[in-house]
Amino acid sequence: MDALDIDKWRFVSDSPGSSIAVSSVLMSLRFILVGSAAFVFPLSFLTNLINKSPNDKIGIKQQVTLWWAGLMRGAAL
C-alpha cells in the first residue's frame, strides 16, 4: 500500500536512479501477478473440463483464492 502513498513518491523525483529502481520493482511485481494468474486460471479450466461432476468443478471464487493464496505463500517468487 506504500506504493499508493503520494508522500513516498516525492523522493523518486529527486534522483532518476531511484525512479528506475522503483519502476523496475513495480514492473516485476506485475509480472509475478500476471504469471501466477497465467498458470492458475488455465489449469483450473482444464481441470473443470476433465471433471464431469458439478461438485468437483473449481468455481471462479475458488480460483481467485488459489491465485491469491499462491502469491501470499510465495510460490510465485
N, C-alpha and C. Protein backbone atom coordinates (compact mmCIF):
# COMPACT_ATOMS: atom_id res chain seq x y z
N MET A 1 0.82 -1.19 0.00
CA MET A 1 0.00 0.00 0.00
C MET A 1 0.87 1.26 0.00
N ASP A 2 2.14 1.12 0.34
CA ASP A 2 3.01 2.30 0.30
C ASP A 2 3.20 2.83 -1.11
N ALA A 3 3.00 1.98 -2.11
CA ALA A 3 3.17 2.43 -3.49
C ALA A 3 2.11 3.45 -3.87
N LEU A 4 1.00 3.50 -3.14
CA LEU A 4 -0.06 4.45 -3.44
C LEU A 4 0.06 5.74 -2.63
N ASP A 5 1.04 5.83 -1.75
CA ASP A 5 1.22 7.00 -0.90
C ASP A 5 1.99 8.07 -1.66
N ILE A 6 1.39 9.23 -1.86
CA ILE A 6 1.98 10.31 -2.65
C ILE A 6 3.26 10.84 -2.00
N ASP A 7 3.29 10.91 -0.67
CA ASP A 7 4.48 11.43 0.01
C ASP A 7 5.70 10.54 -0.24
N LYS A 8 5.50 9.27 -0.38
CA LYS A 8 6.62 8.35 -0.64
C LYS A 8 7.18 8.55 -2.04
N TRP A 9 6.38 9.05 -2.95
CA TRP A 9 6.84 9.23 -4.32
C TRP A 9 7.62 10.52 -4.52
N ARG A 10 7.59 11.43 -3.55
CA ARG A 10 8.31 12.70 -3.71
C ARG A 10 9.82 12.50 -3.81
N PHE A 11 10.34 11.49 -3.11
CA PHE A 11 11.78 11.26 -3.16
C PHE A 11 12.19 10.69 -4.51
N VAL A 12 11.28 10.10 -5.24
CA VAL A 12 11.62 9.50 -6.52
C VAL A 12 11.97 10.56 -7.55
N SER A 13 11.31 11.71 -7.49
CA SER A 13 11.58 12.75 -8.47
C SER A 13 12.95 13.40 -8.25
N ASP A 14 13.56 13.17 -7.08
CA ASP A 14 14.86 13.76 -6.80
C ASP A 14 16.00 13.08 -7.56
N SER A 15 15.92 11.77 -7.74
CA SER A 15 17.00 11.08 -8.44
C SER A 15 16.44 10.09 -9.45
N PRO A 16 16.95 10.11 -10.66
CA PRO A 16 16.45 9.20 -11.68
C PRO A 16 16.78 7.73 -11.37
N GLY A 17 17.86 7.48 -10.66
CA GLY A 17 18.23 6.11 -10.32
C GLY A 17 17.18 5.44 -9.44
N SER A 18 16.68 6.16 -8.46
CA SER A 18 15.66 5.58 -7.60
C SER A 18 14.34 5.44 -8.35
N SER A 19 14.09 6.32 -9.30
CA SER A 19 12.88 6.21 -10.12
C SER A 19 12.91 4.94 -10.96
N ILE A 20 14.05 4.64 -11.52
CA ILE A 20 14.20 3.41 -12.32
C ILE A 20 14.08 2.19 -11.42
N ALA A 21 14.66 2.25 -10.23
CA ALA A 21 14.59 1.12 -9.31
C ALA A 21 13.16 0.85 -8.87
N VAL A 22 12.44 1.90 -8.51
CA VAL A 22 11.04 1.73 -8.09
C VAL A 22 10.20 1.21 -9.24
N SER A 23 10.42 1.74 -10.43
CA SER A 23 9.66 1.29 -11.59
C SER A 23 9.93 -0.18 -11.90
N SER A 24 11.18 -0.60 -11.79
CA SER A 24 11.50 -1.99 -12.08
C SER A 24 10.93 -2.93 -11.03
N VAL A 25 10.91 -2.52 -9.77
CA VAL A 25 10.30 -3.35 -8.73
C VAL A 25 8.81 -3.50 -8.96
N LEU A 26 8.13 -2.40 -9.26
CA LEU A 26 6.69 -2.46 -9.52
C LEU A 26 6.38 -3.28 -10.77
N MET A 27 7.22 -3.19 -11.79
CA MET A 27 7.00 -3.97 -13.00
C MET A 27 7.22 -5.46 -12.73
N SER A 28 8.22 -5.79 -11.94
CA SER A 28 8.44 -7.21 -11.62
C SER A 28 7.29 -7.77 -10.79
N LEU A 29 6.73 -6.96 -9.90
CA LEU A 29 5.57 -7.41 -9.14
C LEU A 29 4.39 -7.66 -10.07
N ARG A 30 4.22 -6.82 -11.05
CA ARG A 30 3.15 -7.00 -12.02
C ARG A 30 3.35 -8.30 -12.80
N PHE A 31 4.60 -8.59 -13.19
CA PHE A 31 4.88 -9.83 -13.91
C PHE A 31 4.59 -11.05 -13.05
N ILE A 32 4.87 -10.96 -11.76
CA ILE A 32 4.59 -12.06 -10.85
C ILE A 32 3.08 -12.29 -10.75
N LEU A 33 2.31 -11.22 -10.63
CA LEU A 33 0.85 -11.35 -10.56
C LEU A 33 0.28 -11.97 -11.83
N VAL A 34 0.72 -11.48 -12.97
CA VAL A 34 0.21 -11.98 -14.24
C VAL A 34 0.69 -13.41 -14.50
N GLY A 35 1.94 -13.69 -14.17
CA GLY A 35 2.48 -15.03 -14.37
C GLY A 35 1.78 -16.07 -13.52
N SER A 36 1.48 -15.72 -12.30
CA SER A 36 0.76 -16.64 -11.43
C SER A 36 -0.65 -16.87 -11.95
N ALA A 37 -1.31 -15.82 -12.39
CA ALA A 37 -2.66 -15.96 -12.94
C ALA A 37 -2.65 -16.78 -14.22
N ALA A 38 -1.56 -16.68 -14.99
CA ALA A 38 -1.46 -17.43 -16.24
C ALA A 38 -1.37 -18.92 -16.00
N PHE A 39 -0.99 -19.34 -14.81
CA PHE A 39 -0.95 -20.76 -14.50
C PHE A 39 -2.21 -21.23 -13.79
N VAL A 40 -2.72 -20.45 -12.86
CA VAL A 40 -3.85 -20.90 -12.04
C VAL A 40 -5.13 -21.01 -12.86
N PHE A 41 -5.49 -19.98 -13.59
CA PHE A 41 -6.78 -19.97 -14.27
C PHE A 41 -6.87 -20.96 -15.44
N PRO A 42 -5.87 -21.06 -16.31
CA PRO A 42 -5.97 -22.08 -17.37
C PRO A 42 -5.94 -23.52 -16.83
N LEU A 43 -5.13 -23.77 -15.81
CA LEU A 43 -5.11 -25.12 -15.25
C LEU A 43 -6.42 -25.45 -14.56
N SER A 44 -7.03 -24.48 -13.93
CA SER A 44 -8.35 -24.70 -13.33
C SER A 44 -9.39 -24.97 -14.42
N PHE A 45 -9.27 -24.27 -15.53
CA PHE A 45 -10.19 -24.50 -16.65
C PHE A 45 -10.04 -25.92 -17.19
N LEU A 46 -8.79 -26.37 -17.35
CA LEU A 46 -8.56 -27.74 -17.82
C LEU A 46 -9.07 -28.77 -16.82
N THR A 47 -8.90 -28.50 -15.55
CA THR A 47 -9.42 -29.40 -14.53
C THR A 47 -10.94 -29.46 -14.59
N ASN A 48 -11.57 -28.33 -14.83
CA ASN A 48 -13.03 -28.31 -14.95
C ASN A 48 -13.51 -29.06 -16.19
N LEU A 49 -12.71 -29.08 -17.25
CA LEU A 49 -13.08 -29.84 -18.44
C LEU A 49 -13.01 -31.34 -18.17
N ILE A 50 -12.03 -31.75 -17.38
CA ILE A 50 -11.84 -33.17 -17.09
C ILE A 50 -12.90 -33.68 -16.11
N ASN A 51 -13.19 -32.89 -15.08
CA ASN A 51 -14.17 -33.30 -14.07
C ASN A 51 -15.57 -33.08 -14.61
N LYS A 52 -16.33 -34.14 -14.68
CA LYS A 52 -17.70 -34.04 -15.20
C LYS A 52 -18.70 -33.71 -14.10
N SER A 53 -18.39 -34.03 -12.86
CA SER A 53 -19.31 -33.78 -11.75
C SER A 53 -19.30 -32.29 -11.40
N PRO A 54 -20.47 -31.67 -11.27
CA PRO A 54 -20.52 -30.25 -10.90
C PRO A 54 -19.94 -29.99 -9.50
N ASN A 55 -19.95 -30.99 -8.64
CA ASN A 55 -19.40 -30.81 -7.29
C ASN A 55 -17.88 -30.74 -7.29
N ASP A 56 -17.26 -31.31 -8.31
CA ASP A 56 -15.79 -31.34 -8.38
C ASP A 56 -15.20 -30.15 -9.13
N LYS A 57 -16.03 -29.34 -9.75
CA LYS A 57 -15.54 -28.20 -10.53
C LYS A 57 -15.05 -27.08 -9.61
N ILE A 58 -14.06 -26.35 -10.10
CA ILE A 58 -13.47 -25.25 -9.34
C ILE A 58 -14.14 -23.96 -9.81
N GLY A 59 -14.82 -23.28 -8.90
CA GLY A 59 -15.50 -22.03 -9.22
C GLY A 59 -14.53 -20.87 -9.33
N ILE A 60 -15.01 -19.77 -9.87
CA ILE A 60 -14.14 -18.60 -10.07
C ILE A 60 -13.66 -18.03 -8.73
N LYS A 61 -14.50 -18.08 -7.71
CA LYS A 61 -14.08 -17.59 -6.40
C LYS A 61 -12.97 -18.47 -5.82
N GLN A 62 -13.07 -19.77 -6.04
CA GLN A 62 -12.02 -20.67 -5.58
C GLN A 62 -10.74 -20.47 -6.37
N GLN A 63 -10.87 -20.18 -7.66
CA GLN A 63 -9.69 -19.93 -8.48
C GLN A 63 -8.96 -18.67 -8.02
N VAL A 64 -9.72 -17.62 -7.73
CA VAL A 64 -9.11 -16.38 -7.24
C VAL A 64 -8.44 -16.63 -5.89
N THR A 65 -9.07 -17.44 -5.05
CA THR A 65 -8.48 -17.77 -3.75
C THR A 65 -7.18 -18.54 -3.94
N LEU A 66 -7.16 -19.49 -4.86
CA LEU A 66 -5.93 -20.24 -5.15
C LEU A 66 -4.83 -19.32 -5.66
N TRP A 67 -5.21 -18.40 -6.54
CA TRP A 67 -4.23 -17.46 -7.10
C TRP A 67 -3.65 -16.57 -6.00
N TRP A 68 -4.52 -15.99 -5.18
CA TRP A 68 -4.07 -15.09 -4.13
C TRP A 68 -3.27 -15.83 -3.06
N ALA A 69 -3.72 -17.04 -2.69
CA ALA A 69 -3.01 -17.82 -1.67
C ALA A 69 -1.62 -18.21 -2.17
N GLY A 70 -1.51 -18.50 -3.45
CA GLY A 70 -0.19 -18.81 -4.02
C GLY A 70 0.74 -17.61 -3.97
N LEU A 71 0.19 -16.41 -4.20
CA LEU A 71 1.01 -15.20 -4.11
C LEU A 71 1.45 -14.94 -2.69
N MET A 72 0.54 -15.11 -1.75
CA MET A 72 0.86 -14.84 -0.36
C MET A 72 1.82 -15.88 0.22
N ARG A 73 1.72 -17.09 -0.27
CA ARG A 73 2.61 -18.15 0.21
C ARG A 73 4.02 -17.96 -0.34
N GLY A 74 4.11 -17.33 -1.46
CA GLY A 74 5.42 -17.09 -2.06
C GLY A 74 5.77 -18.08 -3.13
N ALA A 75 4.81 -18.86 -3.60
CA ALA A 75 5.10 -19.85 -4.61
C ALA A 75 5.51 -19.20 -5.93
N ALA A 76 5.03 -18.00 -6.19
CA ALA A 76 5.35 -17.34 -7.45
C ALA A 76 6.73 -16.68 -7.41
N LEU A 77 7.31 -16.55 -6.25
CA LEU A 77 8.60 -15.87 -6.18
C LEU A 77 9.71 -16.79 -6.47
